[in-house]
Amino acid sequence: MIHNGEYERAISSLESEASGENIPPLQKAEYCEWIAECHKRLEDNKSAGDWYLEAVKKVLSQTGDQKSKAKQALADCDKALASYKEGGDSTDVLVAARLRQYLLGLAG
């Protein structure tokens, strides 16, 4: 669907997949990233930022080393920040910027 430009249909399908109970956090994070990309293509940068932050949450929810998880989550946090700068409000930008600083501290 994504490759055919059917972004709204893809979002609906991916949201359903991302909410599955038996799906590992990293796979859920990947679904969140795809949803964010669909929103970006629809020029809904606020929603894209929200979904990138949801991907960050999924990465951080997995078990393992905090430092590794923080490094992994930084890319999505940066994408969220960029999306919010393009279409969010100042609060969204502030939240994403603070989260980025927190992740940088953990990744240290």
C-alpha atoms as a PDB file:
ATOM      1  CA  MET A   1       0.000   0.000   0.000  1.00  0.00           C
ATOM      2  CA  ILE A   2       2.812   2.404   0.853  1.00  0.00           C
ATOM      3  CA  HIS A   3       4.525   1.797  -2.468  1.00  0.00           C
ATOM      4  CA  ASN A   4       1.233   2.486  -4.291  1.00  0.00           C
ATOM      5  CA  GLY A   5       0.717   5.795  -2.484  1.00  0.00           C
ATOM      6  CA  GLU A   6      -2.198   4.485  -0.428  1.00  0.00           C
ATOM      7  CA  TYR A   7      -0.903   6.110   2.742  1.00  0.00           C
ATOM      8  CA  GLU A   8      -4.183   6.420   4.637  1.00  0.00           C
ATOM      9  CA  ARG A   9      -4.987   2.747   4.066  1.00  0.00           C
ATOM     10  CA  ALA A  10      -1.444   1.821   5.058  1.00  0.00           C
ATOM     11  CA  ILE A  11      -1.725   3.860   8.260  1.00  0.00           C
ATOM     12  CA  SER A  12      -4.912   2.059   9.248  1.00  0.00           C
ATOM     13  CA  SER A  13      -3.413  -1.348   8.584  1.00  0.00           C
ATOM     14  CA  LEU A  14      -0.123  -0.555  10.333  1.00  0.00           C
ATOM     15  CA  GLU A  15      -1.861   0.884  13.396  1.00  0.00           C
ATOM     16  CA  SER A  16      -3.713  -2.392  13.747  1.00  0.00           C
ATOM     17  CA  GLU A  17      -0.469  -4.360  13.434  1.00  0.00           C
ATOM     18  CA  ALA A  18       1.367  -2.098  15.901  1.00  0.00           C
ATOM     19  CA  SER A  19      -1.250  -2.694  18.571  1.00  0.00           C
ATOM     20  CA  GLY A  20      -0.848  -6.487  18.464  1.00  0.00           C
ATOM     21  CA  GLU A  21      -0.182  -8.093  21.832  1.00  0.00           C
ATOM     22  CA  ASN A  22       2.353 -10.707  20.695  1.00  0.00           C
ATOM     23  CA  ILE A  23       4.547  -8.398  18.631  1.00  0.00           C
ATOM     24  CA  PRO A  24       8.036  -7.629  19.999  1.00  0.00           C
ATOM     25  CA  PRO A  25       8.791  -3.961  20.841  1.00  0.00           C
ATOM     26  CA  LEU A  26      11.322  -3.542  18.023  1.00  0.00           C
ATOM     27  CA  GLN A  27       8.836  -4.738  15.437  1.00  0.00           C
ATOM     28  CA  LYS A  28       6.232  -2.374  16.905  1.00  0.00           C
ATOM     29  CA  ALA A  29       8.792   0.426  16.652  1.00  0.00           C
ATOM     30  CA  GLU A  30       9.292  -0.398  12.987  1.00  0.00           C
ATOM     31  CA  TYR A  31       5.524  -0.208  12.385  1.00  0.00           C
ATOM     32  CA  CYS A  32       5.484   3.167  14.151  1.00  0.00           C
ATOM     33  CA  GLU A  33       8.272   4.405  11.879  1.00  0.00           C
ATOM     34  CA  TRP A  34       6.312   3.335   8.785  1.00  0.00           C
ATOM     35  CA  ILE A  35       3.196   5.075  10.098  1.00  0.00           C
ATOM     36  CA  ALA A  36       5.252   8.225  10.693  1.00  0.00           C
ATOM     37  CA  GLU A  37       6.608   8.070   7.141  1.00  0.00           C
ATOM     38  CA  CYS A  38       3.066   7.780   5.764  1.00  0.00           C
ATOM     39  CA  HIS A  39       2.027  10.858   7.740  1.00  0.00           C
ATOM     40  CA  LYS A  40       5.043  12.753   6.412  1.00  0.00           C
ATOM     41  CA  ARG A  41       4.054  11.877   2.853  1.00  0.00           C
ATOM     42  CA  LEU A  42       0.577  13.166   3.628  1.00  0.00           C
ATOM     43  CA  GLU A  43       2.274  16.344   4.933  1.00  0.00           C
ATOM     44  CA  ASP A  44       0.925  15.784   8.452  1.00  0.00           C
ATOM     45  CA  ASN A  45       4.156  16.544  10.281  1.00  0.00           C
ATOM     46  CA  LYS A  46       2.569  16.765  13.732  1.00  0.00           C
ATOM     47  CA  SER A  47       1.238  13.196  13.475  1.00  0.00           C
ATOM     48  CA  ALA A  48       4.540  12.040  11.997  1.00  0.00           C
ATOM     49  CA  GLY A  49       6.368  13.443  15.020  1.00  0.00           C
ATOM     50  CA  ASP A  50       3.914  11.765  17.373  1.00  0.00           C
ATOM     51  CA  TRP A  51       4.511   8.385  15.718  1.00  0.00           C
ATOM     52  CA  TYR A  52       8.284   8.794  15.751  1.00  0.00           C
ATOM     53  CA  LEU A  53       8.055   9.406  19.501  1.00  0.00           C
ATOM     54  CA  GLU A  54       5.878   6.318  19.809  1.00  0.00           C
ATOM     55  CA  ALA A  55       8.698   4.384  18.110  1.00  0.00           C
ATOM     56  CA  VAL A  56      11.121   5.808  20.700  1.00  0.00           C
ATOM     57  CA  LYS A  57       8.861   4.503  23.478  1.00  0.00           C
ATOM     58  CA  LYS A  58       8.754   1.055  21.907  1.00  0.00           C
ATOM     59  CA  VAL A  59      12.550   0.911  21.620  1.00  0.00           C
ATOM     60  CA  LEU A  60      12.974   1.996  25.231  1.00  0.00           C
ATOM     61  CA  SER A  61      10.405  -0.556  26.429  1.00  0.00           C
ATOM     62  CA  GLN A  62      12.455  -3.534  25.323  1.00  0.00           C
ATOM     63  CA  THR A  63      14.719  -5.320  27.764  1.00  0.00           C
ATOM     64  CA  GLY A  64      18.425  -4.698  27.640  1.00  0.00           C
ATOM     65  CA  ASP A  65      21.113  -2.139  28.177  1.00  0.00           C
ATOM     66  CA  GLN A  66      19.864   1.460  28.588  1.00  0.00           C
ATOM     67  CA  LYS A  67      22.826   2.881  26.714  1.00  0.00           C
ATOM     68  CA  SER A  68      22.197   0.704  23.657  1.00  0.00           C
ATOM     69  CA  LYS A  69      18.481   1.441  23.691  1.00  0.00           C
ATOM     70  CA  ALA A  70      19.123   5.182  23.963  1.00  0.00           C
ATOM     71  CA  LYS A  71      21.501   5.108  20.997  1.00  0.00           C
ATOM     72  CA  GLN A  72      18.947   3.190  18.976  1.00  0.00           C
ATOM     73  CA  ALA A  73      16.109   5.560  19.906  1.00  0.00           C
ATOM     74  CA  LEU A  74      18.025   8.736  19.047  1.00  0.00           C
ATOM     75  CA  ALA A  75      17.416   8.483  15.288  1.00  0.00           C
ATOM     76  CA  ASP A  76      13.640   8.382  15.739  1.00  0.00           C
ATOM     77  CA  CYS A  77      13.799  11.178  18.294  1.00  0.00           C
ATOM     78  CA  ASP A  78      15.717  13.320  15.799  1.00  0.00           C
ATOM     79  CA  LYS A  79      13.069  12.592  13.149  1.00  0.00           C
ATOM     80  CA  ALA A  80      10.329  13.545  15.613  1.00  0.00           C
ATOM     81  CA  LEU A  81      12.075  16.803  16.405  1.00  0.00           C
ATOM     82  CA  ALA A  82      12.482  17.624  12.705  1.00  0.00           C
ATOM     83  CA  SER A  83       8.824  16.789  12.023  1.00  0.00           C
ATOM     84  CA  TYR A  84       7.635  18.960  14.889  1.00  0.00           C
ATOM     85  CA  LYS A  85       9.770  21.849  13.674  1.00  0.00           C
ATOM     86  CA  GLU A  86       8.009  21.541  10.320  1.00  0.00           C
ATOM     87  CA  GLY A  87       4.470  21.142  11.608  1.00  0.00           C
ATOM     88  CA  GLY A  88       4.133  20.882  15.362  1.00  0.00           C
ATOM     89  CA  ASP A  89       3.802  23.560  17.974  1.00  0.00           C
ATOM     90  CA  SER A  90       6.438  24.925  20.326  1.00  0.00           C
ATOM     91  CA  THR A  91       5.457  22.459  23.060  1.00  0.00           C
ATOM     92  CA  ASP A  92       6.013  19.503  20.721  1.00  0.00           C
ATOM     93  CA  VAL A  93       9.434  20.858  19.777  1.00  0.00           C
ATOM     94  CA  LEU A  94      10.353  21.396  23.429  1.00  0.00           C
ATOM     95  CA  VAL A  95       9.294  17.882  24.472  1.00  0.00           C
ATOM     96  CA  ALA A  96      11.225  16.255  21.628  1.00  0.00           C
ATOM     97  CA  ALA A  97      14.297  18.425  22.299  1.00  0.00           C
ATOM     98  CA  ARG A  98      14.285  17.513  25.991  1.00  0.00           C
ATOM     99  CA  LEU A  99      13.855  13.833  25.198  1.00  0.00           C
ATOM    100  CA  ARG A 100      16.774  14.088  22.788  1.00  0.00           C
ATOM    101  CA  GLN A 101      18.971  15.582  25.533  1.00  0.00           C
ATOM    102  CA  TYR A 102      17.904  12.809  27.908  1.00  0.00           C
ATOM    103  CA  LEU A 103      18.729  10.117  25.348  1.00  0.00           C
ATOM    104  CA  LEU A 104      22.096  11.718  24.621  1.00  0.00           C
ATOM    105  CA  GLY A 105      22.862  11.591  28.342  1.00  0.00           C
ATOM    106  CA  LEU A 106      21.945   7.911  28.518  1.00  0.00           C
ATOM    107  CA  ALA A 107      23.879   7.078  25.357  1.00  0.00           C
ATOM    108  CA  GLY A 108      26.897   8.974  26.720  1.00  0.00           C
END
